[in-house]
Amino acid sequence: MTKLAFPNPIRRYEPRRGCVSFWGSQASLEVMFQIDLDVLRALSPATVDGSEASFLVSFDLNRSVILQAARTAHLKQGGGYHRLSAVNFP
């Protein structure tokens, strides 16, 4: 099985969905991920002030932890979409 990779560093703030979206790929399959804004608040409480920029900074500061949680979720469930919430972070 080909390892899940994150070659595209783009992430998108989606306030209506209450998340930041990002993408990974496994061979020819694109995998969409969303991470709840509450998780980003918890990961960087001193950084997040509720603005788009602060949520994206929190994502960037915690990228390695977020990508590891994304890999774990994808390994457990497979598929092309995952929503990461507090249960995905110890």
PDB file of N, CA and C in Angstrom:
ATOM      1  N   MET A   1       0.836  -1.181   0.000  1.00  0.00           N
ATOM      2  CA  MET A   1       0.000   0.000   0.000  1.00  0.00           C
ATOM      3  C   MET A   1       0.880   1.244   0.000  1.00  0.00           C
ATOM      4  N   THR A   2       0.559   2.206  -0.844  1.00  0.00           N
ATOM      5  CA  THR A   2       1.297   3.452  -0.937  1.00  0.00           C
ATOM      6  C   THR A   2       0.991   4.320   0.277  1.00  0.00           C
ATOM      7  N   LYS A   3       2.023   4.946   0.798  1.00  0.00           N
ATOM      8  CA  LYS A   3       1.892   5.795   1.975  1.00  0.00           C
ATOM      9  C   LYS A   3       1.132   7.076   1.630  1.00  0.00           C
ATOM     10  N   LEU A   4       0.322   7.536   2.569  1.00  0.00           N
ATOM     11  CA  LEU A   4      -0.384   8.797   2.432  1.00  0.00           C
ATOM     12  C   LEU A   4       0.629   9.929   2.521  1.00  0.00           C
ATOM     13  N   ALA A   5       0.608  10.825   1.545  1.00  0.00           N
ATOM     14  CA  ALA A   5       1.544  11.951   1.507  1.00  0.00           C
ATOM     15  C   ALA A   5       0.759  13.264   1.470  1.00  0.00           C
ATOM     16  N   PHE A   6       1.441  14.330   1.826  1.00  0.00           N
ATOM     17  CA  PHE A   6       0.836  15.658   1.822  1.00  0.00           C
ATOM     18  C   PHE A   6       1.733  16.611   1.026  1.00  0.00           C
ATOM     19  N   PRO A   7       1.795  16.406  -0.307  1.00  0.00           N
ATOM     20  CA  PRO A   7       2.688  17.219  -1.121  1.00  0.00           C
ATOM     21  C   PRO A   7       2.212  18.660  -1.317  1.00  0.00           C
ATOM     22  N   ASN A   8       0.938  18.894  -1.104  1.00  0.00           N
ATOM     23  CA  ASN A   8       0.352  20.208  -1.318  1.00  0.00           C
ATOM     24  C   ASN A   8       0.159  20.900   0.034  1.00  0.00           C
ATOM     25  N   PRO A   9       0.893  21.977   0.317  1.00  0.00           N
ATOM     26  CA  PRO A   9       0.793  22.635   1.627  1.00  0.00           C
ATOM     27  C   PRO A   9      -0.436  23.526   1.791  1.00  0.00           C
ATOM     28  N   ILE A  10      -1.271  23.618   0.766  1.00  0.00           N
ATOM     29  CA  ILE A  10      -2.435  24.501   0.827  1.00  0.00           C
ATOM     30  C   ILE A  10      -3.425  24.007   1.866  1.00  0.00           C
ATOM     31  N   ARG A  11      -3.940  24.952   2.621  1.00  0.00           N
ATOM     32  CA  ARG A  11      -5.026  24.693   3.573  1.00  0.00           C
ATOM     33  C   ARG A  11      -6.005  25.843   3.429  1.00  0.00           C
ATOM     34  N   ARG A  12      -7.294  25.578   3.700  1.00  0.00           N
ATOM     35  CA  ARG A  12      -8.332  26.581   3.477  1.00  0.00           C
ATOM     36  C   ARG A  12      -9.241  26.695   4.698  1.00  0.00           C
ATOM     37  N   TYR A  13      -9.419  27.903   5.150  1.00  0.00           N
ATOM     38  CA  TYR A  13     -10.327  28.216   6.251  1.00  0.00           C
ATOM     39  C   TYR A  13     -11.752  28.196   5.723  1.00  0.00           C
ATOM     40  N   GLU A  14     -12.628  27.447   6.398  1.00  0.00           N
ATOM     41  CA  GLU A  14     -14.024  27.344   5.986  1.00  0.00           C
ATOM     42  C   GLU A  14     -14.926  27.603   7.184  1.00  0.00           C
ATOM     43  N   PRO A  15     -15.216  28.885   7.467  1.00  0.00           N
ATOM     44  CA  PRO A  15     -15.992  29.219   8.666  1.00  0.00           C
ATOM     45  C   PRO A  15     -17.408  28.640   8.682  1.00  0.00           C
ATOM     46  N   ARG A  16     -18.045  28.542   7.536  1.00  0.00           N
ATOM     47  CA  ARG A  16     -19.411  27.984   7.496  1.00  0.00           C
ATOM     48  C   ARG A  16     -19.438  26.518   7.879  1.00  0.00           C
ATOM     49  N   ARG A  17     -18.347  25.831   7.595  1.00  0.00           N
ATOM     50  CA  ARG A  17     -18.251  24.406   7.950  1.00  0.00           C
ATOM     51  C   ARG A  17     -17.549  24.212   9.292  1.00  0.00           C
ATOM     52  N   GLY A  18     -17.006  25.290   9.856  1.00  0.00           N
ATOM     53  CA  GLY A  18     -16.339  25.215  11.155  1.00  0.00           C
ATOM     54  C   GLY A  18     -15.047  24.421  11.117  1.00  0.00           C
ATOM     55  N   CYS A  19     -14.266  24.627  10.029  1.00  0.00           N
ATOM     56  CA  CYS A  19     -13.066  23.815   9.879  1.00  0.00           C
ATOM     57  C   CYS A  19     -12.020  24.498   9.018  1.00  0.00           C
ATOM     58  N   VAL A  20     -10.861  23.869   8.984  1.00  0.00           N
ATOM     59  CA  VAL A  20      -9.827  24.158   7.994  1.00  0.00           C
ATOM     60  C   VAL A  20      -9.681  22.875   7.177  1.00  0.00           C
ATOM     61  N   SER A  21      -9.720  23.026   5.858  1.00  0.00           N
ATOM     62  CA  SER A  21      -9.594  21.882   4.953  1.00  0.00           C
ATOM     63  C   SER A  21      -8.175  21.789   4.424  1.00  0.00           C
ATOM     64  N   PHE A  22      -7.739  20.545   4.188  1.00  0.00           N
ATOM     65  CA  PHE A  22      -6.442  20.292   3.568  1.00  0.00           C
ATOM     66  C   PHE A  22      -6.516  18.951   2.864  1.00  0.00           C
ATOM     67  N   TRP A  23      -5.510  18.668   2.028  1.00  0.00           N
ATOM     68  CA  TRP A  23      -5.580  17.488   1.178  1.00  0.00           C
ATOM     69  C   TRP A  23      -4.311  16.665   1.241  1.00  0.00           C
ATOM     70  N   GLY A  24      -4.491  15.372   1.085  1.00  0.00           N
ATOM     71  CA  GLY A  24      -3.382  14.445   0.973  1.00  0.00           C
ATOM     72  C   GLY A  24      -3.586  13.606  -0.273  1.00  0.00           C
ATOM     73  N   SER A  25      -2.620  12.756  -0.546  1.00  0.00           N
ATOM     74  CA  SER A  25      -2.774  11.852  -1.686  1.00  0.00           C
ATOM     75  C   SER A  25      -2.129  10.513  -1.372  1.00  0.00           C
ATOM     76  N   GLN A  26      -2.740   9.489  -1.919  1.00  0.00           N
ATOM     77  CA  GLN A  26      -2.230   8.130  -1.788  1.00  0.00           C
ATOM     78  C   GLN A  26      -2.334   7.514  -3.175  1.00  0.00           C
ATOM     79  N   ALA A  27      -1.179   7.367  -3.806  1.00  0.00           N
ATOM     80  CA  ALA A  27      -1.125   6.944  -5.215  1.00  0.00           C
ATOM     81  C   ALA A  27      -1.953   7.935  -6.021  1.00  0.00           C
ATOM     82  N   SER A  28      -2.983   7.499  -6.703  1.00  0.00           N
ATOM     83  CA  SER A  28      -3.788   8.405  -7.524  1.00  0.00           C
ATOM     84  C   SER A  28      -5.034   8.914  -6.799  1.00  0.00           C
ATOM     85  N   LEU A  29      -5.228   8.542  -5.547  1.00  0.00           N
ATOM     86  CA  LEU A  29      -6.397   8.949  -4.773  1.00  0.00           C
ATOM     87  C   LEU A  29      -6.123  10.235  -4.010  1.00  0.00           C
ATOM     88  N   GLU A  30      -6.954  11.256  -4.232  1.00  0.00           N
ATOM     89  CA  GLU A  30      -6.876  12.467  -3.423  1.00  0.00           C
ATOM     90  C   GLU A  30      -7.756  12.263  -2.194  1.00  0.00           C
ATOM     91  N   VAL A  31      -7.229  12.620  -1.029  1.00  0.00           N
ATOM     92  CA  VAL A  31      -7.948  12.449   0.224  1.00  0.00           C
ATOM     93  C   VAL A  31      -8.162  13.825   0.835  1.00  0.00           C
ATOM     94  N   MET A  32      -9.413  14.167   1.105  1.00  0.00           N
ATOM     95  CA  MET A  32      -9.748  15.449   1.706  1.00  0.00           C
ATOM     96  C   MET A  32      -9.854  15.287   3.217  1.00  0.00           C
ATOM     97  N   PHE A  33      -9.295  16.240   3.923  1.00  0.00           N
ATOM     98  CA  PHE A  33      -9.378  16.274   5.379  1.00  0.00           C
ATOM     99  C   PHE A  33      -9.937  17.610   5.816  1.00  0.00           C
ATOM    100  N   GLN A  34     -10.680  17.588   6.895  1.00  0.00           N
ATOM    101  CA  GLN A  34     -11.119  18.802   7.562  1.00  0.00           C
ATOM    102  C   GLN A  34     -10.792  18.641   9.038  1.00  0.00           C
ATOM    103  N   ILE A  35     -10.330  19.730   9.642  1.00  0.00           N
ATOM    104  CA  ILE A  35     -10.056  19.718  11.072  1.00  0.00           C
ATOM    105  C   ILE A  35     -10.943  20.768  11.720  1.00  0.00           C
ATOM    106  N   ASP A  36     -11.644  20.358  12.777  1.00  0.00           N
ATOM    107  CA  ASP A  36     -12.541  21.255  13.490  1.00  0.00           C
ATOM    108  C   ASP A  36     -11.790  22.464  14.032  1.00  0.00           C
ATOM    109  N   LEU A  37     -12.431  23.624  13.972  1.00  0.00           N
ATOM    110  CA  LEU A  37     -11.823  24.843  14.511  1.00  0.00           C
ATOM    111  C   LEU A  37     -11.562  24.718  16.008  1.00  0.00           C
ATOM    112  N   ASP A  38     -12.418  23.986  16.723  1.00  0.00           N
ATOM    113  CA  ASP A  38     -12.205  23.795  18.166  1.00  0.00           C
ATOM    114  C   ASP A  38     -10.896  23.070  18.454  1.00  0.00           C
ATOM    115  N   VAL A  39     -10.497  22.163  17.583  1.00  0.00           N
ATOM    116  CA  VAL A  39      -9.218  21.466  17.754  1.00  0.00           C
ATOM    117  C   VAL A  39      -8.070  22.457  17.596  1.00  0.00           C
ATOM    118  N   LEU A  40      -8.167  23.333  16.605  1.00  0.00           N
ATOM    119  CA  LEU A  40      -7.110  24.326  16.408  1.00  0.00           C
ATOM    120  C   LEU A  40      -7.026  25.287  17.589  1.00  0.00           C
ATOM    121  N   ARG A  41      -8.180  25.630  18.169  1.00  0.00           N
ATOM    122  CA  ARG A  41      -8.183  26.460  19.391  1.00  0.00           C
ATOM    123  C   ARG A  41      -7.461  25.741  20.524  1.00  0.00           C
ATOM    124  N   ALA A  42      -7.728  24.457  20.668  1.00  0.00           N
ATOM    125  CA  ALA A  42      -7.115  23.676  21.754  1.00  0.00           C
ATOM    126  C   ALA A  42      -5.614  23.480  21.534  1.00  0.00           C
ATOM    127  N   LEU A  43      -5.199  23.334  20.284  1.00  0.00           N
ATOM    128  CA  LEU A  43      -3.783  23.130  19.993  1.00  0.00           C
ATOM    129  C   LEU A  43      -2.956  24.399  20.195  1.00  0.00           C
ATOM    130  N   SER A  44      -3.575  25.555  19.972  1.00  0.00           N
ATOM    131  CA  SER A  44      -2.853  26.835  20.086  1.00  0.00           C
ATOM    132  C   SER A  44      -3.732  27.890  20.755  1.00  0.00           C
ATOM    133  N   PRO A  45      -4.071  27.693  22.026  1.00  0.00           N
ATOM    134  CA  PRO A  45      -4.995  28.632  22.667  1.00  0.00           C
ATOM    135  C   PRO A  45      -4.485  30.073  22.717  1.00  0.00           C
ATOM    136  N   ALA A  46      -3.189  30.266  22.802  1.00  0.00           N
ATOM    137  CA  ALA A  46      -2.644  31.625  22.866  1.00  0.00           C
ATOM    138  C   ALA A  46      -2.608  32.291  21.491  1.00  0.00           C
ATOM    139  N   THR A  47      -2.734  31.521  20.432  1.00  0.00           N
ATOM    140  CA  THR A  47      -2.619  32.038  19.071  1.00  0.00           C
ATOM    141  C   THR A  47      -3.971  32.373  18.459  1.00  0.00           C
ATOM    142  N   VAL A  48      -4.978  31.549  18.734  1.00  0.00           N
ATOM    143  CA  VAL A  48      -6.263  31.684  18.058  1.00  0.00           C
ATOM    144  C   VAL A  48      -7.105  32.780  18.708  1.00  0.00           C
ATOM    145  N   ASP A  49      -7.417  33.808  17.900  1.00  0.00           N
ATOM    146  CA  ASP A  49      -8.282  34.894  18.371  1.00  0.00           C
ATOM    147  C   ASP A  49      -9.620  34.901  17.638  1.00  0.00           C
ATOM    148  N   GLY A  50      -9.881  33.854  16.852  1.00  0.00           N
ATOM    149  CA  GLY A  50     -11.128  33.747  16.109  1.00  0.00           C
ATOM    150  C   GLY A  50     -11.042  34.232  14.674  1.00  0.00           C
ATOM    151  N   SER A  51      -9.933  34.822  14.301  1.00  0.00           N
ATOM    152  CA  SER A  51      -9.778  35.308  12.924  1.00  0.00           C
ATOM    153  C   SER A  51      -9.287  34.188  12.002  1.00  0.00           C
ATOM    154  N   GLU A  52      -9.532  34.373  10.716  1.00  0.00           N
ATOM    155  CA  GLU A  52      -9.052  33.412   9.724  1.00  0.00           C
ATOM    156  C   GLU A  52      -7.546  33.221   9.842  1.00  0.00           C
ATOM    157  N   ALA A  53      -6.827  34.324   9.922  1.00  0.00           N
ATOM    158  CA  ALA A  53      -5.365  34.248   9.989  1.00  0.00           C
ATOM    159  C   ALA A  53      -4.898  33.450  11.192  1.00  0.00           C
ATOM    160  N   SER A  54      -5.548  33.613  12.333  1.00  0.00           N
ATOM    161  CA  SER A  54      -5.104  32.902  13.536  1.00  0.00           C
ATOM    162  C   SER A  54      -5.353  31.403  13.440  1.00  0.00           C
ATOM    163  N   PHE A  55      -6.453  30.999  12.808  1.00  0.00           N
ATOM    164  CA  PHE A  55      -6.698  29.568  12.627  1.00  0.00           C
ATOM    165  C   PHE A  55      -5.666  28.961  11.678  1.00  0.00           C
ATOM    166  N   LEU A  56      -5.307  29.681  10.632  1.00  0.00           N
ATOM    167  CA  LEU A  56      -4.306  29.175   9.691  1.00  0.00           C
ATOM    168  C   LEU A  56      -2.917  29.128  10.329  1.00  0.00           C
ATOM    169  N   VAL A  57      -2.596  30.101  11.176  1.00  0.00           N
ATOM    170  CA  VAL A  57      -1.326  30.066  11.911  1.00  0.00           C
ATOM    171  C   VAL A  57      -1.307  28.865  12.852  1.00  0.00           C
ATOM    172  N   SER A  58      -2.410  28.610  13.541  1.00  0.00           N
ATOM    173  CA  SER A  58      -2.488  27.445  14.421  1.00  0.00           C
ATOM    174  C   SER A  58      -2.268  26.168  13.625  1.00  0.00           C
ATOM    175  N   PHE A  59      -2.886  26.072  12.456  1.00  0.00           N
ATOM    176  CA  PHE A  59      -2.684  24.895  11.601  1.00  0.00           C
ATOM    177  C   PHE A  59      -1.204  24.749  11.263  1.00  0.00           C
ATOM    178  N   ASP A  60      -0.592  25.836  10.827  1.00  0.00           N
ATOM    179  CA  ASP A  60       0.818  25.781  10.415  1.00  0.00           C
ATOM    180  C   ASP A  60       1.734  25.419  11.581  1.00  0.00           C
ATOM    181  N   LEU A  61       1.469  25.967  12.760  1.00  0.00           N
ATOM    182  CA  LEU A  61       2.298  25.674  13.930  1.00  0.00           C
ATOM    183  C   LEU A  61       2.192  24.209  14.365  1.00  0.00           C
ATOM    184  N   ASN A  62       1.053  23.605  14.080  1.00  0.00           N
ATOM    185  CA  ASN A  62       0.788  22.232  14.518  1.00  0.00           C
ATOM    186  C   ASN A  62       0.698  21.253  13.361  1.00  0.00           C
ATOM    187  N   ARG A  63       1.230  21.628  12.224  1.00  0.00           N
ATOM    188  CA  ARG A  63       1.107  20.818  11.007  1.00  0.00           C
ATOM    189  C   ARG A  63       1.558  19.372  11.210  1.00  0.00           C
ATOM    190  N   SER A  64       2.689  19.145  11.848  1.00  0.00           N
ATOM    191  CA  SER A  64       3.179  17.764  11.986  1.00  0.00           C
ATOM    192  C   SER A  64       2.232  16.911  12.823  1.00  0.00           C
ATOM    193  N   VAL A  65       1.681  17.470  13.884  1.00  0.00           N
ATOM    194  CA  VAL A  65       0.726  16.738  14.735  1.00  0.00           C
ATOM    195  C   VAL A  65      -0.567  16.467  13.958  1.00  0.00           C
ATOM    196  N   ILE A  66      -1.026  17.464  13.221  1.00  0.00           N
ATOM    197  CA  ILE A  66      -2.259  17.329  12.442  1.00  0.00           C
ATOM    198  C   ILE A  66      -2.096  16.282  11.336  1.00  0.00           C
ATOM    199  N   LEU A  67      -0.976  16.333  10.641  1.00  0.00           N
ATOM    200  CA  LEU A  67      -0.764  15.359   9.560  1.00  0.00           C
ATOM    201  C   LEU A  67      -0.633  13.941  10.106  1.00  0.00           C
ATOM    202  N   GLN A  68      -0.029  13.794  11.275  1.00  0.00           N
ATOM    203  CA  GLN A  68       0.053  12.452  11.878  1.00  0.00           C
ATOM    204  C   GLN A  68      -1.341  11.954  12.254  1.00  0.00           C
ATOM    205  N   ALA A  69      -2.176  12.818  12.806  1.00  0.00           N
ATOM    206  CA  ALA A  69      -3.556  12.428  13.129  1.00  0.00           C
ATOM    207  C   ALA A  69      -4.316  12.074  11.853  1.00  0.00           C
ATOM    208  N   ALA A  70      -4.058  12.804  10.779  1.00  0.00           N
ATOM    209  CA  ALA A  70      -4.711  12.519   9.500  1.00  0.00           C
ATOM    210  C   ALA A  70      -4.273  11.155   8.966  1.00  0.00           C
ATOM    211  N   ARG A  71      -2.983  10.875   9.045  1.00  0.00           N
ATOM    212  CA  ARG A  71      -2.484   9.560   8.596  1.00  0.00           C
ATOM    213  C   ARG A  71      -3.124   8.438   9.400  1.00  0.00           C
ATOM    214  N   THR A  72      -3.199   8.610  10.700  1.00  0.00           N
ATOM    215  CA  THR A  72      -3.788   7.594  11.574  1.00  0.00           C
ATOM    216  C   THR A  72      -5.258   7.373  11.236  1.00  0.00           C
ATOM    217  N   ALA A  73      -6.003   8.460  11.063  1.00  0.00           N
ATOM    218  CA  ALA A  73      -7.428   8.342  10.714  1.00  0.00           C
ATOM    219  C   ALA A  73      -7.599   7.630   9.385  1.00  0.00           C
ATOM    220  N   HIS A  74      -6.773   7.980   8.414  1.00  0.00           N
ATOM    221  CA  HIS A  74      -6.883   7.350   7.095  1.00  0.00           C
ATOM    222  C   HIS A  74      -6.493   5.871   7.147  1.00  0.00           C
ATOM    223  N   LEU A  75      -5.486   5.545   7.927  1.00  0.00           N
ATOM    224  CA  LEU A  75      -5.067   4.156   8.065  1.00  0.00           C
ATOM    225  C   LEU A  75      -6.187   3.308   8.678  1.00  0.00           C
ATOM    226  N   LYS A  76      -6.892   3.864   9.661  1.00  0.00           N
ATOM    227  CA  LYS A  76      -7.977   3.133  10.330  1.00  0.00           C
ATOM    228  C   LYS A  76      -9.221   2.993   9.459  1.00  0.00           C
ATOM    229  N   GLN A  77      -9.536   4.042   8.681  1.00  0.00           N
ATOM    230  CA  GLN A  77     -10.824   4.070   7.997  1.00  0.00           C
ATOM    231  C   GLN A  77     -10.755   4.023   6.483  1.00  0.00           C
ATOM    232  N   GLY A  78      -9.595   4.393   5.902  1.00  0.00           N
ATOM    233  CA  GLY A  78      -9.515   4.453   4.444  1.00  0.00           C
ATOM    234  C   GLY A  78     -10.451   5.514   3.896  1.00  0.00           C
ATOM    235  N   GLY A  79     -10.707   5.462   2.617  1.00  0.00           N
ATOM    236  CA  GLY A  79     -11.650   6.383   2.003  1.00  0.00           C
ATOM    237  C   GLY A  79     -11.020   7.694   1.571  1.00  0.00           C
ATOM    238  N   GLY A  80     -11.854   8.562   1.024  1.00  0.00           N
ATOM    239  CA  GLY A  80     -11.385   9.804   0.450  1.00  0.00           C
ATOM    240  C   GLY A  80     -11.700  11.050   1.242  1.00  0.00           C
ATOM    241  N   TYR A  81     -12.300  10.893   2.454  1.00  0.00           N
ATOM    242  CA  TYR A  81     -12.660  12.054   3.269  1.00  0.00           C
ATOM    243  C   TYR A  81     -12.574  11.701   4.745  1.00  0.00           C
ATOM    244  N   HIS A  82     -12.008  12.640   5.521  1.00  0.00           N
ATOM    245  CA  HIS A  82     -11.959  12.472   6.979  1.00  0.00           C
ATOM    246  C   HIS A  82     -12.154  13.822   7.647  1.00  0.00           C
ATOM    247  N   ARG A  83     -12.966  13.853   8.697  1.00  0.00           N
ATOM    248  CA  ARG A  83     -13.142  15.040   9.525  1.00  0.00           C
ATOM    249  C   ARG A  83     -12.445  14.763  10.841  1.00  0.00           C
ATOM    250  N   LEU A  84     -11.407  15.549  11.153  1.00  0.00           N
ATOM    251  CA  LEU A  84     -10.658  15.373  12.397  1.00  0.00           C
ATOM    252  C   LEU A  84     -11.276  16.216  13.494  1.00  0.00           C
ATOM    253  N   SER A  85     -11.503  15.570  14.633  1.00  0.00           N
ATOM    254  CA  SER A  85     -12.067  16.261  15.794  1.00  0.00           C
ATOM    255  C   SER A  85     -11.188  15.942  17.006  1.00  0.00           C
ATOM    256  N   ALA A  86     -11.633  16.377  18.155  1.00  0.00           N
ATOM    257  CA  ALA A  86     -10.844  16.182  19.382  1.00  0.00           C
ATOM    258  C   ALA A  86     -10.502  14.712  19.626  1.00  0.00           C
ATOM    259  N   VAL A  87     -11.350  13.780  19.218  1.00  0.00           N
ATOM    260  CA  VAL A  87     -11.077  12.360  19.456  1.00  0.00           C
ATOM    261  C   VAL A  87      -9.856  11.854  18.690  1.00  0.00           C
ATOM    262  N   ASN A  88      -9.438  12.590  17.664  1.00  0.00           N
ATOM    263  CA  ASN A  88      -8.269  12.193  16.881  1.00  0.00           C
ATOM    264  C   ASN A  88      -6.950  12.679  17.480  1.00  0.00           C
ATOM    265  N   PHE A  89      -7.036  13.433  18.571  1.00  0.00           N
ATOM    266  CA  PHE A  89      -5.830  14.000  19.196  1.00  0.00           C
ATOM    267  C   PHE A  89      -5.780  13.605  20.660  1.00  0.00           C
ATOM    268  N   PRO A  90      -4.678  12.942  21.055  1.00  0.00           N
ATOM    269  CA  PRO A  90      -4.574  12.492  22.450  1.00  0.00           C
ATOM    270  C   PRO A  90      -4.429  13.646  23.426  1.00  0.00           C
TER     271      PRO A  90
END
